Amino acid sequence: MEILMTILKKERQSGLWMPVLYRTACLFILALAITLALSIVVTAQENDTAKEDADKRMIINRFGNEMGSIDNNGNIANLSGLIVGAVDSDGNIFNVSKINIGKVAADGKVSNQSGTVIGSVNNQGEIFNVSGTKLGEVKGETDIKRTGGAARLMFLK
């Protein structure tokens, strides 16, 4: 602090104290503008993330733990956000390598690539194994084919 006072005193004596005050004010305004710009960018990113999350349905296991999500395009992702597969509008289920690994019928029956029924889903988003035991659900999903795709990729192996 003493050093700063000495510098200001010398500049005042030399008649240069106004430029120091002007530079200080400019730096303060610049710092304020940068802070404002950064807060706008962060807010925009948070809004984008919230919109992306609103477009996804959460896949929950029977214990209430989140397992992944399904987006509006039928892409199914794990908890890390990595796409593990997809389901198309016809109910065909594909793994990450785009190999058909099953199908969801209109009645909610989920079959593997050989045609063997391995579970079922309903239009409340609930997922069941072939014995009828509830394995999980897709929160807020009413499309049987999308739920079935999530079921095959996340639960019915």
C-alpha atoms as a PDB file:
ATOM      1  CA  MET A   1       0.000   0.000   0.000  1.00  0.00           C
ATOM      2  CA  GLU A   2       2.850   2.333   0.843  1.00  0.00           C
ATOM      3  CA  ILE A   3       4.401   1.767  -2.577  1.00  0.00           C
ATOM      4  CA  LEU A   4       1.126   2.667  -4.285  1.00  0.00           C
ATOM      5  CA  MET A   5       0.826   5.857  -2.244  1.00  0.00           C
ATOM      6  CA  THR A   6       4.398   6.807  -3.176  1.00  0.00           C
ATOM      7  CA  ILE A   7       3.698   6.267  -6.880  1.00  0.00           C
ATOM      8  CA  LEU A   8       0.480   8.297  -6.725  1.00  0.00           C
ATOM      9  CA  LYS A   9       2.254  11.090  -4.852  1.00  0.00           C
ATOM     10  CA  LYS A  10       5.026  11.255  -7.476  1.00  0.00           C
ATOM     11  CA  GLU A  11       2.514  11.256 -10.326  1.00  0.00           C
ATOM     12  CA  ARG A  12       0.470  13.990  -8.656  1.00  0.00           C
ATOM     13  CA  GLN A  13       3.581  16.092  -8.287  1.00  0.00           C
ATOM     14  CA  SER A  14       4.474  15.579 -11.944  1.00  0.00           C
ATOM     15  CA  GLY A  15       0.932  16.400 -13.084  1.00  0.00           C
ATOM     16  CA  LEU A  16       0.285  12.859 -14.405  1.00  0.00           C
ATOM     17  CA  TRP A  17      -2.250  11.760 -11.787  1.00  0.00           C
ATOM     18  CA  MET A  18      -5.272  12.318 -14.081  1.00  0.00           C
ATOM     19  CA  PRO A  19      -3.998   9.835 -16.695  1.00  0.00           C
ATOM     20  CA  VAL A  20      -3.552   7.254 -13.912  1.00  0.00           C
ATOM     21  CA  LEU A  21      -7.118   7.833 -12.758  1.00  0.00           C
ATOM     22  CA  TYR A  22      -8.339   7.590 -16.356  1.00  0.00           C
ATOM     23  CA  ARG A  23      -6.424   4.308 -16.933  1.00  0.00           C
ATOM     24  CA  THR A  24      -7.780   2.872 -13.702  1.00  0.00           C
ATOM     25  CA  ALA A  25     -11.348   3.756 -14.678  1.00  0.00           C
ATOM     26  CA  CYS A  26     -10.859   2.218 -18.140  1.00  0.00           C
ATOM     27  CA  LEU A  27      -9.531  -1.012 -16.626  1.00  0.00           C
ATOM     28  CA  PHE A  28     -12.467  -1.168 -14.236  1.00  0.00           C
ATOM     29  CA  ILE A  29     -14.979  -0.668 -17.080  1.00  0.00           C
ATOM     30  CA  LEU A  30     -13.189  -3.290 -19.189  1.00  0.00           C
ATOM     31  CA  ALA A  31     -13.289  -5.810 -16.317  1.00  0.00           C
ATOM     32  CA  LEU A  32     -16.987  -5.101 -15.833  1.00  0.00           C
ATOM     33  CA  ALA A  33     -17.712  -5.604 -19.550  1.00  0.00           C
ATOM     34  CA  ILE A  34     -15.822  -8.926 -19.598  1.00  0.00           C
ATOM     35  CA  THR A  35     -17.705 -10.159 -16.529  1.00  0.00           C
ATOM     36  CA  LEU A  36     -21.037  -9.214 -18.110  1.00  0.00           C
ATOM     37  CA  ALA A  37     -20.145 -10.939 -21.398  1.00  0.00           C
ATOM     38  CA  LEU A  38     -19.106 -14.119 -19.598  1.00  0.00           C
ATOM     39  CA  SER A  39     -22.343 -14.226 -17.616  1.00  0.00           C
ATOM     40  CA  ILE A  40     -24.354 -13.899 -20.835  1.00  0.00           C
ATOM     41  CA  VAL A  41     -22.426 -16.790 -22.430  1.00  0.00           C
ATOM     42  CA  VAL A  42     -22.881 -19.028 -19.359  1.00  0.00           C
ATOM     43  CA  THR A  43     -26.614 -18.273 -19.239  1.00  0.00           C
ATOM     44  CA  ALA A  44     -26.984 -19.143 -22.927  1.00  0.00           C
ATOM     45  CA  GLN A  45     -25.151 -22.443 -22.404  1.00  0.00           C
ATOM     46  CA  GLU A  46     -27.357 -23.303 -19.418  1.00  0.00           C
ATOM     47  CA  ASN A  47     -30.473 -22.601 -21.514  1.00  0.00           C
ATOM     48  CA  ASP A  48     -29.192 -24.870 -24.308  1.00  0.00           C
ATOM     49  CA  THR A  49     -28.494 -27.666 -21.817  1.00  0.00           C
ATOM     50  CA  ALA A  50     -31.952 -27.281 -20.272  1.00  0.00           C
ATOM     51  CA  LYS A  51     -33.575 -27.489 -23.725  1.00  0.00           C
ATOM     52  CA  GLU A  52     -31.579 -30.627 -24.594  1.00  0.00           C
ATOM     53  CA  ASP A  53     -32.614 -32.235 -21.296  1.00  0.00           C
ATOM     54  CA  ALA A  54     -36.274 -31.365 -21.911  1.00  0.00           C
ATOM     55  CA  ASP A  55     -36.099 -33.213 -25.253  1.00  0.00           C
ATOM     56  CA  LYS A  56     -34.963 -36.447 -23.548  1.00  0.00           C
ATOM     57  CA  ARG A  57     -36.871 -39.066 -21.602  1.00  0.00           C
ATOM     58  CA  MET A  58     -35.033 -40.621 -18.665  1.00  0.00           C
ATOM     59  CA  ILE A  59     -34.639 -44.402 -18.499  1.00  0.00           C
ATOM     60  CA  ILE A  60     -34.989 -45.575 -14.867  1.00  0.00           C
ATOM     61  CA  ASN A  61     -34.347 -49.056 -13.442  1.00  0.00           C
ATOM     62  CA  ARG A  62     -36.713 -50.747 -10.951  1.00  0.00           C
ATOM     63  CA  PHE A  63     -34.727 -49.315  -8.034  1.00  0.00           C
ATOM     64  CA  GLY A  64     -35.274 -45.746  -9.226  1.00  0.00           C
ATOM     65  CA  ASN A  65     -31.730 -45.251 -10.529  1.00  0.00           C
ATOM     66  CA  GLU A  66     -31.240 -43.399 -13.788  1.00  0.00           C
ATOM     67  CA  MET A  67     -29.750 -45.651 -16.474  1.00  0.00           C
ATOM     68  CA  GLY A  68     -29.755 -43.368 -19.507  1.00  0.00           C
ATOM     69  CA  SER A  69     -32.052 -41.457 -21.829  1.00  0.00           C
ATOM     70  CA  ILE A  70     -33.815 -41.516 -25.181  1.00  0.00           C
ATOM     71  CA  ASP A  71     -34.042 -38.401 -27.334  1.00  0.00           C
ATOM     72  CA  ASN A  72     -36.679 -37.294 -29.867  1.00  0.00           C
ATOM     73  CA  ASN A  73     -34.788 -39.012 -32.703  1.00  0.00           C
ATOM     74  CA  GLY A  74     -34.878 -42.410 -30.961  1.00  0.00           C
ATOM     75  CA  ASN A  75     -31.205 -42.348 -29.962  1.00  0.00           C
ATOM     76  CA  ILE A  76     -30.623 -44.161 -26.693  1.00  0.00           C
ATOM     77  CA  ALA A  77     -27.719 -43.032 -24.514  1.00  0.00           C
ATOM     78  CA  ASN A  78     -26.137 -44.352 -21.328  1.00  0.00           C
ATOM     79  CA  LEU A  79     -25.482 -42.222 -18.243  1.00  0.00           C
ATOM     80  CA  SER A  80     -22.259 -40.874 -19.766  1.00  0.00           C
ATOM     81  CA  GLY A  81     -24.241 -39.566 -22.726  1.00  0.00           C
ATOM     82  CA  LEU A  82     -22.734 -42.092 -25.153  1.00  0.00           C
ATOM     83  CA  ILE A  83     -25.178 -43.414 -27.754  1.00  0.00           C
ATOM     84  CA  VAL A  84     -25.619 -47.181 -27.240  1.00  0.00           C
ATOM     85  CA  GLY A  85     -28.231 -47.665 -29.959  1.00  0.00           C
ATOM     86  CA  ALA A  86     -31.453 -46.432 -31.465  1.00  0.00           C
ATOM     87  CA  VAL A  87     -35.017 -47.351 -32.327  1.00  0.00           C
ATOM     88  CA  ASP A  88     -36.728 -46.244 -35.531  1.00  0.00           C
ATOM     89  CA  SER A  89     -40.389 -45.363 -36.087  1.00  0.00           C
ATOM     90  CA  ASP A  90     -41.138 -48.923 -37.281  1.00  0.00           C
ATOM     91  CA  GLY A  91     -39.898 -50.382 -33.979  1.00  0.00           C
ATOM     92  CA  ASN A  92     -36.610 -51.758 -35.312  1.00  0.00           C
ATOM     93  CA  ILE A  93     -33.905 -51.653 -32.650  1.00  0.00           C
ATOM     94  CA  PHE A  94     -30.261 -51.100 -33.557  1.00  0.00           C
ATOM     95  CA  ASN A  95     -27.084 -51.273 -31.498  1.00  0.00           C
ATOM     96  CA  VAL A  96     -24.315 -48.681 -31.687  1.00  0.00           C
ATOM     97  CA  SER A  97     -22.882 -50.439 -34.781  1.00  0.00           C
ATOM     98  CA  LYS A  98     -26.280 -50.016 -36.506  1.00  0.00           C
ATOM     99  CA  ILE A  99     -26.901 -53.776 -36.461  1.00  0.00           C
ATOM    100  CA  ASN A 100     -30.562 -54.741 -36.012  1.00  0.00           C
ATOM    101  CA  ILE A 101     -30.838 -56.464 -32.625  1.00  0.00           C
ATOM    102  CA  GLY A 102     -34.597 -56.677 -32.269  1.00  0.00           C
ATOM    103  CA  LYS A 103     -38.037 -55.250 -32.829  1.00  0.00           C
ATOM    104  CA  VAL A 104     -40.916 -53.814 -30.849  1.00  0.00           C
ATOM    105  CA  ALA A 105     -44.368 -54.975 -31.973  1.00  0.00           C
ATOM    106  CA  ALA A 106     -47.445 -52.757 -31.867  1.00  0.00           C
ATOM    107  CA  ASP A 107     -48.736 -54.717 -28.836  1.00  0.00           C
ATOM    108  CA  GLY A 108     -45.538 -53.903 -26.867  1.00  0.00           C
ATOM    109  CA  LYS A 109     -43.814 -57.267 -27.175  1.00  0.00           C
ATOM    110  CA  VAL A 110     -40.043 -56.865 -27.530  1.00  0.00           C
ATOM    111  CA  SER A 111     -38.164 -59.546 -29.465  1.00  0.00           C
ATOM    112  CA  ASN A 112     -34.494 -60.150 -30.149  1.00  0.00           C
ATOM    113  CA  GLN A 113     -32.929 -60.457 -33.603  1.00  0.00           C
ATOM    114  CA  SER A 114     -34.047 -64.131 -33.811  1.00  0.00           C
ATOM    115  CA  GLY A 115     -37.682 -63.178 -33.214  1.00  0.00           C
ATOM    116  CA  THR A 116     -37.837 -64.601 -29.677  1.00  0.00           C
ATOM    117  CA  VAL A 117     -39.959 -62.484 -27.315  1.00  0.00           C
ATOM    118  CA  ILE A 118     -37.702 -61.347 -24.465  1.00  0.00           C
ATOM    119  CA  GLY A 119     -39.946 -58.832 -22.723  1.00  0.00           C
ATOM    120  CA  SER A 120     -42.696 -56.290 -23.100  1.00  0.00           C
ATOM    121  CA  VAL A 121     -43.494 -52.622 -22.613  1.00  0.00           C
ATOM    122  CA  ASN A 122     -46.668 -50.592 -22.251  1.00  0.00           C
ATOM    123  CA  ASN A 123     -47.773 -47.092 -23.164  1.00  0.00           C
ATOM    124  CA  GLN A 124     -47.097 -45.862 -19.621  1.00  0.00           C
ATOM    125  CA  GLY A 125     -43.383 -46.391 -20.307  1.00  0.00           C
ATOM    126  CA  GLU A 126     -43.061 -49.491 -18.082  1.00  0.00           C
ATOM    127  CA  ILE A 127     -40.590 -52.255 -19.018  1.00  0.00           C
ATOM    128  CA  PHE A 128     -41.100 -55.939 -18.113  1.00  0.00           C
ATOM    129  CA  ASN A 129     -39.073 -59.098 -18.664  1.00  0.00           C
ATOM    130  CA  VAL A 130     -40.624 -62.200 -20.231  1.00  0.00           C
ATOM    131  CA  SER A 131     -41.795 -63.388 -16.768  1.00  0.00           C
ATOM    132  CA  GLY A 132     -43.691 -60.137 -16.174  1.00  0.00           C
ATOM    133  CA  THR A 133     -41.312 -58.669 -13.595  1.00  0.00           C
ATOM    134  CA  LYS A 134     -41.004 -54.904 -13.897  1.00  0.00           C
ATOM    135  CA  LEU A 135     -37.405 -53.981 -14.773  1.00  0.00           C
ATOM    136  CA  GLY A 136     -37.775 -50.242 -15.131  1.00  0.00           C
ATOM    137  CA  GLU A 137     -39.460 -47.483 -17.078  1.00  0.00           C
ATOM    138  CA  VAL A 138     -38.966 -44.583 -19.423  1.00  0.00           C
ATOM    139  CA  LYS A 139     -40.295 -41.549 -17.536  1.00  0.00           C
ATOM    140  CA  GLY A 140     -42.942 -39.641 -19.458  1.00  0.00           C
ATOM    141  CA  GLU A 141     -42.788 -41.849 -22.566  1.00  0.00           C
ATOM    142  CA  THR A 142     -46.046 -43.001 -24.161  1.00  0.00           C
ATOM    143  CA  ASP A 143     -44.685 -44.358 -27.460  1.00  0.00           C
ATOM    144  CA  ILE A 144     -44.457 -48.159 -27.159  1.00  0.00           C
ATOM    145  CA  LYS A 145     -41.799 -48.455 -29.858  1.00  0.00           C
ATOM    146  CA  ARG A 146     -39.492 -45.904 -28.247  1.00  0.00           C
ATOM    147  CA  THR A 147     -39.962 -47.529 -24.834  1.00  0.00           C
ATOM    148  CA  GLY A 148     -39.317 -50.957 -26.353  1.00  0.00           C
ATOM    149  CA  GLY A 149     -36.098 -49.768 -27.939  1.00  0.00           C
ATOM    150  CA  ALA A 150     -34.901 -48.445 -24.613  1.00  0.00           C
ATOM    151  CA  ALA A 151     -35.947 -51.708 -22.949  1.00  0.00           C
ATOM    152  CA  ARG A 152     -34.013 -53.885 -25.411  1.00  0.00           C
ATOM    153  CA  LEU A 153     -30.844 -51.833 -25.227  1.00  0.00           C
ATOM    154  CA  MET A 154     -30.789 -51.168 -21.488  1.00  0.00           C
ATOM    155  CA  PHE A 155     -32.510 -54.157 -19.828  1.00  0.00           C
ATOM    156  CA  LEU A 156     -33.450 -57.034 -22.106  1.00  0.00           C
ATOM    157  CA  LYS A 157     -30.208 -58.687 -23.150  1.00  0.00           C
END
